[in-house]
Every structure is written in C-alpha cells, then in structure tokens.
PDB file of N, CA and C in Angstrom:
ATOM      1  N   UNK A   1     112.719 255.568  85.627  1.00  0.00           N
ATOM      2  CA  UNK A   1     111.269 256.621  85.880  1.00  0.00           C
ATOM      3  C   UNK A   1     111.951 258.102  86.133  1.00  0.00           C
ATOM      4  N   UNK A   2     111.417 258.743  85.497  1.00  0.00           N
ATOM      5  CA  UNK A   2     111.197 260.370  85.689  1.00  0.00           C
ATOM      6  C   UNK A   2     110.134 261.143  86.253  1.00  0.00           C
ATOM      7  N   UNK A   3     110.713 261.649  87.358  1.00  0.00           N
ATOM      8  CA  UNK A   3     109.486 262.890  88.052  1.00  0.00           C
ATOM      9  C   UNK A   3     109.456 264.289  88.189  1.00  0.00           C
ATOM     10  N   UNK A   4     108.895 264.394  87.818  1.00  0.00           N
ATOM     11  CA  UNK A   4     108.337 266.622  87.861  1.00  0.00           C
ATOM     12  C   UNK A   4     106.748 266.601  88.621  1.00  0.00           C
ATOM     13  N   UNK A   5     106.957 267.559  88.133  1.00  0.00           N
ATOM     14  CA  UNK A   5     105.681 268.533  88.969  1.00  0.00           C
ATOM     15  C   UNK A   5     104.757 268.391  88.324  1.00  0.00           C
ATOM     16  N   UNK A   6     104.800 268.855  86.699  1.00  0.00           N
ATOM     17  CA  UNK A   6     104.034 269.108  85.917  1.00  0.00           C
ATOM     18  C   UNK A   6     104.417 269.201  85.189  1.00  0.00           C
ATOM     19  N   UNK A   7     104.187 268.057  84.042  1.00  0.00           N
ATOM     20  CA  UNK A   7     104.093 267.863  82.452  1.00  0.00           C
ATOM     21  C   UNK A   7     105.580 268.554  81.504  1.00  0.00           C
ATOM     22  N   UNK A   8     105.969 269.494  81.917  1.00  0.00           N
ATOM     23  CA  UNK A   8     107.120 270.868  81.566  1.00  0.00           C
ATOM     24  C   UNK A   8     108.625 270.128  82.166  1.00  0.00           C
ATOM     25  N   UNK A   9     107.978 270.098  83.365  1.00  0.00           N
ATOM     26  CA  UNK A   9     109.403 269.891  84.383  1.00  0.00           C
ATOM     27  C   UNK A   9     110.150 267.919  84.524  1.00  0.00           C
ATOM     28  N   UNK A  10     109.208 267.178  84.248  1.00  0.00           N
ATOM     29  CA  UNK A  10     109.238 266.011  84.117  1.00  0.00           C
ATOM     30  C   UNK A  10     109.818 266.282  82.424  1.00  0.00           C
ATOM     31  N   UNK A  11     109.756 267.027  81.850  1.00  0.00           N
ATOM     32  CA  UNK A  11     110.219 266.678  80.098  1.00  0.00           C
ATOM     33  C   UNK A  11     111.194 267.385  80.384  1.00  0.00           C
ATOM     34  N   UNK A  12     111.562 268.884  80.869  1.00  0.00           N
ATOM     35  CA  UNK A  12     112.974 269.082  81.748  1.00  0.00           C
ATOM     36  C   UNK A  12     114.099 268.407  81.749  1.00  0.00           C
ATOM     37  N   UNK A  13     113.590 267.266  83.159  1.00  0.00           N
ATOM     38  CA  UNK A  13     114.026 266.302  83.994  1.00  0.00           C
ATOM     39  C   UNK A  13     114.591 265.392  82.512  1.00  0.00           C
ATOM     40  N   UNK A  14     114.327 265.008  81.916  1.00  0.00           N
ATOM     41  CA  UNK A  14     114.284 263.638  80.801  1.00  0.00           C
ATOM     42  C   UNK A  14     115.149 264.449  80.131  1.00  0.00           C
ATOM     43  N   UNK A  15     115.170 265.739  79.886  1.00  0.00           N
ATOM     44  CA  UNK A  15     115.969 266.015  78.657  1.00  0.00           C
ATOM     45  C   UNK A  15     117.282 266.220  79.239  1.00  0.00           C
ATOM     46  N   UNK A  16     117.771 266.868  81.311  1.00  0.00           N
ATOM     47  CA  UNK A  16     119.062 267.287  80.924  1.00  0.00           C
ATOM     48  C   UNK A  16     119.070 265.726  81.907  1.00  0.00           C
ATOM     49  N   UNK A  17     118.740 264.671  82.281  1.00  0.00           N
ATOM     50  CA  UNK A  17     119.270 263.139  82.519  1.00  0.00           C
ATOM     51  C   UNK A  17     119.764 262.560  81.574  1.00  0.00           C
ATOM     52  N   UNK A  18     119.166 262.497  79.947  1.00  0.00           N
ATOM     53  CA  UNK A  18     119.642 262.145  78.563  1.00  0.00           C
ATOM     54  C   UNK A  18     120.773 262.563  78.597  1.00  0.00           C
ATOM     55  N   UNK A  19     120.588 264.430  78.671  1.00  0.00           N
ATOM     56  CA  UNK A  19     122.397 264.730  77.980  1.00  0.00           C
ATOM     57  C   UNK A  19     123.348 264.372  79.081  1.00  0.00           C
ATOM     58  N   UNK A  20     123.360 264.032  80.866  1.00  0.00           N
ATOM     59  CA  UNK A  20     124.160 263.846  81.593  1.00  0.00           C
ATOM     60  C   UNK A  20     124.351 262.250  80.998  1.00  0.00           C
ATOM     61  N   UNK A  21     124.247 261.217  79.944  1.00  0.00           N
ATOM     62  CA  UNK A  21     123.667 260.096  79.805  1.00  0.00           C
ATOM     63  C   UNK A  21     123.829 260.472  78.491  1.00  0.00           C
ATOM     64  N   UNK A  22     125.462 260.316  77.855  1.00  0.00           N
ATOM     65  CA  UNK A  22     125.267 260.164  76.379  1.00  0.00           C
ATOM     66  C   UNK A  22     125.135 258.448  76.025  1.00  0.00           C
ATOM     67  N   UNK A  23     126.235 257.350  76.958  1.00  0.00           N
ATOM     68  CA  UNK A  23     126.947 256.517  77.084  1.00  0.00           C
ATOM     69  C   UNK A  23     125.559 255.343  77.006  1.00  0.00           C
ATOM     70  N   UNK A  24     123.827 255.798  77.501  1.00  0.00           N
ATOM     71  CA  UNK A  24     122.569 255.031  76.625  1.00  0.00           C
ATOM     72  C   UNK A  24     122.285 254.770  75.390  1.00  0.00           C
ATOM     73  N   UNK A  25     121.876 253.448  75.050  1.00  0.00           N
ATOM     74  CA  UNK A  25     121.085 254.016  74.197  1.00  0.00           C
ATOM     75  C   UNK A  25     119.767 253.382  74.450  1.00  0.00           C
ATOM     76  N   UNK A  26     118.792 254.657  73.618  1.00  0.00           N
ATOM     77  CA  UNK A  26     116.915 255.017  74.528  1.00  0.00           C
ATOM     78  C   UNK A  26     116.511 254.292  73.556  1.00  0.00           C
ATOM     79  N   UNK A  27     115.109 252.778  73.971  1.00  0.00           N
ATOM     80  CA  UNK A  27     114.392 252.684  72.824  1.00  0.00           C
ATOM     81  C   UNK A  27     113.341 252.594  73.350  1.00  0.00           C
ATOM     82  N   UNK A  28     112.759 253.502  74.253  1.00  0.00           N
ATOM     83  CA  UNK A  28     111.302 254.527  74.020  1.00  0.00           C
ATOM     84  C   UNK A  28     111.596 255.654  75.095  1.00  0.00           C
ATOM     85  N   UNK A  29     110.734 256.060  74.596  1.00  0.00           N
ATOM     86  CA  UNK A  29     110.197 257.060  75.894  1.00  0.00           C
ATOM     87  C   UNK A  29     108.710 257.265  76.011  1.00  0.00           C
ATOM     88  N   UNK A  30     108.484 257.096  77.393  1.00  0.00           N
ATOM     89  CA  UNK A  30     106.828 257.287  77.082  1.00  0.00           C
ATOM     90  C   UNK A  30     106.388 257.991  77.237  1.00  0.00           C
ATOM     91  N   UNK A  31     104.944 258.723  76.542  1.00  0.00           N
ATOM     92  CA  UNK A  31     104.556 259.939  77.100  1.00  0.00           C
ATOM     93  C   UNK A  31     104.614 260.908  78.860  1.00  0.00           C
ATOM     94  N   UNK A  32     104.346 261.720  78.711  1.00  0.00           N
ATOM     95  CA  UNK A  32     104.434 261.988  80.153  1.00  0.00           C
ATOM     96  C   UNK A  32     102.899 261.221  80.750  1.00  0.00           C
ATOM     97  N   UNK A  33     102.768 260.795  82.052  1.00  0.00           N
ATOM     98  CA  UNK A  33     101.454 260.366  83.015  1.00  0.00           C
ATOM     99  C   UNK A  33     101.379 260.361  84.022  1.00  0.00           C
ATOM    100  N   UNK A  34     100.472 260.900  85.234  1.00  0.00           N
ATOM    101  CA  UNK A  34     100.107 261.612  86.085  1.00  0.00           C
ATOM    102  C   UNK A  34     100.355 260.415  86.781  1.00  0.00           C
ATOM    103  N   UNK A  35     100.370 260.659  87.691  1.00  0.00           N
ATOM    104  CA  UNK A  35     101.193 259.982  89.629  1.00  0.00           C
ATOM    105  C   UNK A  35      99.647 259.206  89.727  1.00  0.00           C
ATOM    106  N   UNK A  36      99.501 258.653  90.025  1.00  0.00           N
ATOM    107  CA  UNK A  36      98.420 258.506  91.642  1.00  0.00           C
ATOM    108  C   UNK A  36      98.073 258.594  93.222  1.00  0.00           C
ATOM    109  N   UNK A  37      97.439 259.698  93.219  1.00  0.00           N
ATOM    110  CA  UNK A  37      97.125 260.731  93.967  1.00  0.00           C
ATOM    111  C   UNK A  37      97.586 260.096  95.535  1.00  0.00           C
ATOM    112  N   UNK A  38      98.454 260.474  96.774  1.00  0.00           N
ATOM    113  CA  UNK A  38      98.591 259.568  97.457  1.00  0.00           C
ATOM    114  C   UNK A  38      98.682 261.148  99.078  1.00  0.00           C
ATOM    115  N   UNK A  39      98.504 260.505 100.227  1.00  0.00           N
ATOM    116  CA  UNK A  39      98.543 261.337 101.033  1.00  0.00           C
ATOM    117  C   UNK A  39      99.963 262.719 100.898  1.00  0.00           C
ATOM    118  N   UNK A  40     100.873 262.134  99.888  1.00  0.00           N
ATOM    119  CA  UNK A  40     102.062 262.731  99.821  1.00  0.00           C
ATOM    120  C   UNK A  40     101.561 264.404  99.095  1.00  0.00           C
ATOM    121  N   UNK A  41     101.102 263.625  98.586  1.00  0.00           N
ATOM    122  CA  UNK A  41     100.966 264.710  96.621  1.00  0.00           C
ATOM    123  C   UNK A  41      99.813 265.409  97.731  1.00  0.00           C
ATOM    124  N   UNK A  42      98.679 265.273  98.751  1.00  0.00           N
ATOM    125  CA  UNK A  42      97.669 265.931  98.804  1.00  0.00           C
ATOM    126  C   UNK A  42      98.024 266.870  99.982  1.00  0.00           C
ATOM    127  N   UNK A  43      98.817 266.535 100.587  1.00  0.00           N
ATOM    128  CA  UNK A  43      99.597 267.588 101.838  1.00  0.00           C
ATOM    129  C   UNK A  43     101.121 268.660 101.248  1.00  0.00           C
ATOM    130  N   UNK A  44     102.169 267.955  99.998  1.00  0.00           N
ATOM    131  CA  UNK A  44     102.908 268.091  99.848  1.00  0.00           C
ATOM    132  C   UNK A  44     102.856 268.800  99.172  1.00  0.00           C
ATOM    133  N   UNK A  45     101.369 270.587  98.544  1.00  0.00           N
ATOM    134  CA  UNK A  45     102.272 271.507  98.014  1.00  0.00           C
ATOM    135  C   UNK A  45     102.427 270.563  96.395  1.00  0.00           C
ATOM    136  N   UNK A  46     103.461 272.337  96.570  1.00  0.00           N
ATOM    137  CA  UNK A  46     103.232 272.256  95.148  1.00  0.00           C
ATOM    138  C   UNK A  46     104.778 271.199  94.373  1.00  0.00           C
ATOM    139  N   UNK A  47     105.472 270.847  95.089  1.00  0.00           N
ATOM    140  CA  UNK A  47     106.899 270.305  95.369  1.00  0.00           C
ATOM    141  C   UNK A  47     107.107 268.624  94.813  1.00  0.00           C
ATOM    142  N   UNK A  48     105.361 268.476  94.779  1.00  0.00           N
ATOM    143  CA  UNK A  48     105.840 267.269  95.498  1.00  0.00           C
ATOM    144  C   UNK A  48     105.078 266.468  93.604  1.00  0.00           C
ATOM    145  N   UNK A  49     106.172 265.572  93.179  1.00  0.00           N
ATOM    146  CA  UNK A  49     105.608 265.064  92.606  1.00  0.00           C
ATOM    147  C   UNK A  49     104.862 264.240  91.632  1.00  0.00           C
ATOM    148  N   UNK A  50     104.104 264.364  90.952  1.00  0.00           N
ATOM    149  CA  UNK A  50     102.841 264.696  90.581  1.00  0.00           C
ATOM    150  C   UNK A  50     102.877 263.792  89.026  1.00  0.00           C
ATOM    151  N   UNK A  51     103.704 264.224  88.426  1.00  0.00           N
ATOM    152  CA  UNK A  51     103.494 263.358  86.883  1.00  0.00           C
ATOM    153  C   UNK A  51     105.181 262.030  86.519  1.00  0.00           C
ATOM    154  N   UNK A  52     105.345 261.369  85.941  1.00  0.00           N
ATOM    155  CA  UNK A  52     106.592 260.456  85.389  1.00  0.00           C
ATOM    156  C   UNK A  52     106.456 260.251  83.750  1.00  0.00           C
ATOM    157  N   UNK A  53     107.753 259.884  83.697  1.00  0.00           N
ATOM    158  CA  UNK A  53     108.423 259.247  82.485  1.00  0.00           C
ATOM    159  C   UNK A  53     108.720 258.007  82.272  1.00  0.00           C
ATOM    160  N   UNK A  54     108.355 257.789  81.669  1.00  0.00           N
ATOM    161  CA  UNK A  54     109.374 256.026  81.651  1.00  0.00           C
ATOM    162  C   UNK A  54     109.949 256.865  80.583  1.00  0.00           C
ATOM    163  N   UNK A  55     111.232 255.408  80.812  1.00  0.00           N
ATOM    164  CA  UNK A  55     112.541 255.618  79.757  1.00  0.00           C
ATOM    165  C   UNK A  55     112.773 254.328  79.665  1.00  0.00           C
ATOM    166  N   UNK A  56     112.939 253.312  79.102  1.00  0.00           N
ATOM    167  CA  UNK A  56     113.392 252.088  78.606  1.00  0.00           C
ATOM    168  C   UNK A  56     114.428 252.593  77.290  1.00  0.00           C
ATOM    169  N   UNK A  57     115.900 251.902  78.405  1.00  0.00           N
ATOM    170  CA  UNK A  57     116.936 252.098  77.642  1.00  0.00           C
ATOM    171  C   UNK A  57     118.217 250.797  77.757  1.00  0.00           C
ATOM    172  N   UNK A  58     118.996 250.874  77.149  1.00  0.00           N
ATOM    173  CA  UNK A  58     120.407 250.085  77.323  1.00  0.00           C
ATOM    174  C   UNK A  58     121.302 251.131  77.258  1.00  0.00           C
ATOM    175  N   UNK A  59     122.007 250.327  79.017  1.00  0.00           N
ATOM    176  CA  UNK A  59     123.654 250.601  78.715  1.00  0.00           C
ATOM    177  C   UNK A  59     124.085 249.909  77.437  1.00  0.00           C
ATOM    178  N   UNK A  60     124.754 250.957  76.945  1.00  0.00           N
ATOM    179  CA  UNK A  60     126.196 250.244  76.168  1.00  0.00           C
ATOM    180  C   UNK A  60     127.208 250.291  76.249  1.00  0.00           C
ATOM    181  N   UNK A  61     128.017 248.231  76.153  1.00  0.00           N
ATOM    182  CA  UNK A  61     129.050 248.587  76.989  1.00  0.00           C
ATOM    183  C   UNK A  61     130.553 248.693  76.737  1.00  0.00           C
ATOM    184  N   UNK A  62     131.301 248.915  77.698  1.00  0.00           N
ATOM    185  CA  UNK A  62     131.951 249.257  77.714  1.00  0.00           C
ATOM    186  C   UNK A  62     133.538 248.219  77.212  1.00  0.00           C
ATOM    187  N   UNK A  63     134.833 249.242  76.449  1.00  0.00           N
ATOM    188  CA  UNK A  63     136.156 247.913  76.243  1.00  0.00           C
ATOM    189  C   UNK A  63     136.274 248.759  77.997  1.00  0.00           C
ATOM    190  N   UNK A  64     137.396 247.043  78.068  1.00  0.00           N
ATOM    191  CA  UNK A  64     137.207 246.817  79.436  1.00  0.00           C
ATOM    192  C   UNK A  64     138.933 247.756  79.213  1.00  0.00           C
ATOM    193  N   UNK A  65     138.991 248.603  78.442  1.00  0.00           N
ATOM    194  CA  UNK A  65     140.580 249.940  78.805  1.00  0.00           C
ATOM    195  C   UNK A  65     139.872 250.638  79.138  1.00  0.00           C
ATOM    196  N   UNK A  66     138.656 251.363  78.977  1.00  0.00           N
ATOM    197  CA  UNK A  66     138.042 252.087  79.361  1.00  0.00           C
ATOM    198  C   UNK A  66     137.718 252.195  80.411  1.00  0.00           C
ATOM    199  N   UNK A  67     136.819 250.820  81.092  1.00  0.00           N
ATOM    200  CA  UNK A  67     136.702 251.010  82.562  1.00  0.00           C
ATOM    201  C   UNK A  67     137.677 250.896  83.152  1.00  0.00           C
ATOM    202  N   UNK A  68     138.476 250.117  83.087  1.00  0.00           N
ATOM    203  CA  UNK A  68     140.186 250.210  83.322  1.00  0.00           C
ATOM    204  C   UNK A  68     140.385 251.675  84.292  1.00  0.00           C
ATOM    205  N   UNK A  69     140.166 252.285  83.173  1.00  0.00           N
ATOM    206  CA  UNK A  69     140.494 253.516  83.933  1.00  0.00           C
ATOM    207  C   UNK A  69     139.653 254.595  84.379  1.00  0.00           C
ATOM    208  N   UNK A  70     138.576 254.507  84.254  1.00  0.00           N
ATOM    209  CA  UNK A  70     137.809 254.546  85.408  1.00  0.00           C
ATOM    210  C   UNK A  70     138.023 254.672  86.166  1.00  0.00           C
ATOM    211  N   UNK A  71     137.999 253.561  86.452  1.00  0.00           N
ATOM    212  CA  UNK A  71     138.074 252.313  87.796  1.00  0.00           C
ATOM    213  C   UNK A  71     138.897 253.417  88.453  1.00  0.00           C
ATOM    214  N   UNK A  72     140.764 253.425  88.221  1.00  0.00           N
ATOM    215  CA  UNK A  72     141.397 253.625  88.635  1.00  0.00           C
ATOM    216  C   UNK A  72     141.302 254.930  88.733  1.00  0.00           C
ATOM    217  N   UNK A  73     140.282 255.593  88.178  1.00  0.00           N
ATOM    218  CA  UNK A  73     139.799 257.876  88.573  1.00  0.00           C
ATOM    219  C   UNK A  73     139.157 257.639  89.872  1.00  0.00           C
ATOM    220  N   UNK A  74     137.816 256.768  90.307  1.00  0.00           N
ATOM    221  CA  UNK A  74     137.113 256.548  90.471  1.00  0.00           C
ATOM    222  C   UNK A  74     138.413 256.207  92.379  1.00  0.00           C
ATOM    223  N   UNK A  75     138.780 255.191  92.410  1.00  0.00           N
ATOM    224  CA  UNK A  75     139.317 255.405  93.252  1.00  0.00           C
ATOM    225  C   UNK A  75     140.446 256.468  93.333  1.00  0.00           C
ATOM    226  N   UNK A  76     140.922 257.032  92.435  1.00  0.00           N
ATOM    227  CA  UNK A  76     141.696 258.264  92.648  1.00  0.00           C
ATOM    228  C   UNK A  76     141.256 259.366  93.440  1.00  0.00           C
ATOM    229  N   UNK A  77     139.769 259.067  93.558  1.00  0.00           N
ATOM    230  CA  UNK A  77     138.690 260.344  93.758  1.00  0.00           C
ATOM    231  C   UNK A  77     138.846 259.668  95.404  1.00  0.00           C
ATOM    232  N   UNK A  78     137.976 258.588  95.142  1.00  0.00           N
ATOM    233  CA  UNK A  78     138.025 258.315  96.912  1.00  0.00           C
ATOM    234  C   UNK A  78     139.327 258.318  97.675  1.00  0.00           C
ATOM    235  N   UNK A  79     140.605 258.538  97.469  1.00  0.00           N
ATOM    236  CA  UNK A  79     141.306 257.627  97.970  1.00  0.00           C
ATOM    237  C   UNK A  79     141.747 259.545  98.243  1.00  0.00           C
ATOM    238  N   UNK A  80     142.077 259.841  97.143  1.00  0.00           N
ATOM    239  CA  UNK A  80     142.413 262.147  97.188  1.00  0.00           C
ATOM    240  C   UNK A  80     140.925 262.403  98.180  1.00  0.00           C
TER     241      UNK A  80
END
C-alpha cells in the first residue's frame, strides 16, 4: 500500500517505488482511494496521508549466485 497526501502525491510515490524496485512483477495497480477519516487526519494538517494506492506484486526469484553476492555485499557494509 502506498500512501500520499493527495492523488498526485500518491501517484508520484507509486512511480518512485516502482522505479526503485525493478525486480518485481506487477500484478495489479488499484486506483487511488481516500483513506477513512481519523483523529490523526483531522489534527495532522496537510502532511498526513489521506489517499492510498494498493499495488499487488510478486517478487521475482533471484539466481542463487546473485543472492550470495548480495548477501556478501550486505555483510561487508555491516562490518565496514
């Protein structure tokens, strides 16, 4: 689920998330819909998410060598 302050913000967040995750297979992108009103939205002003977009996706499986290389890189960053 992707949240935004309005339709344009939610769509921009969706586009940014999709560009940052090229290894996923998109199954379905739902239309923006308003979030139910809560005390947070009443008191939070303009910066509280009021719109959500649901994205159904599948993560594509990586090859074992790629997973091992990514794991080693993560360990190196954690250690170093």
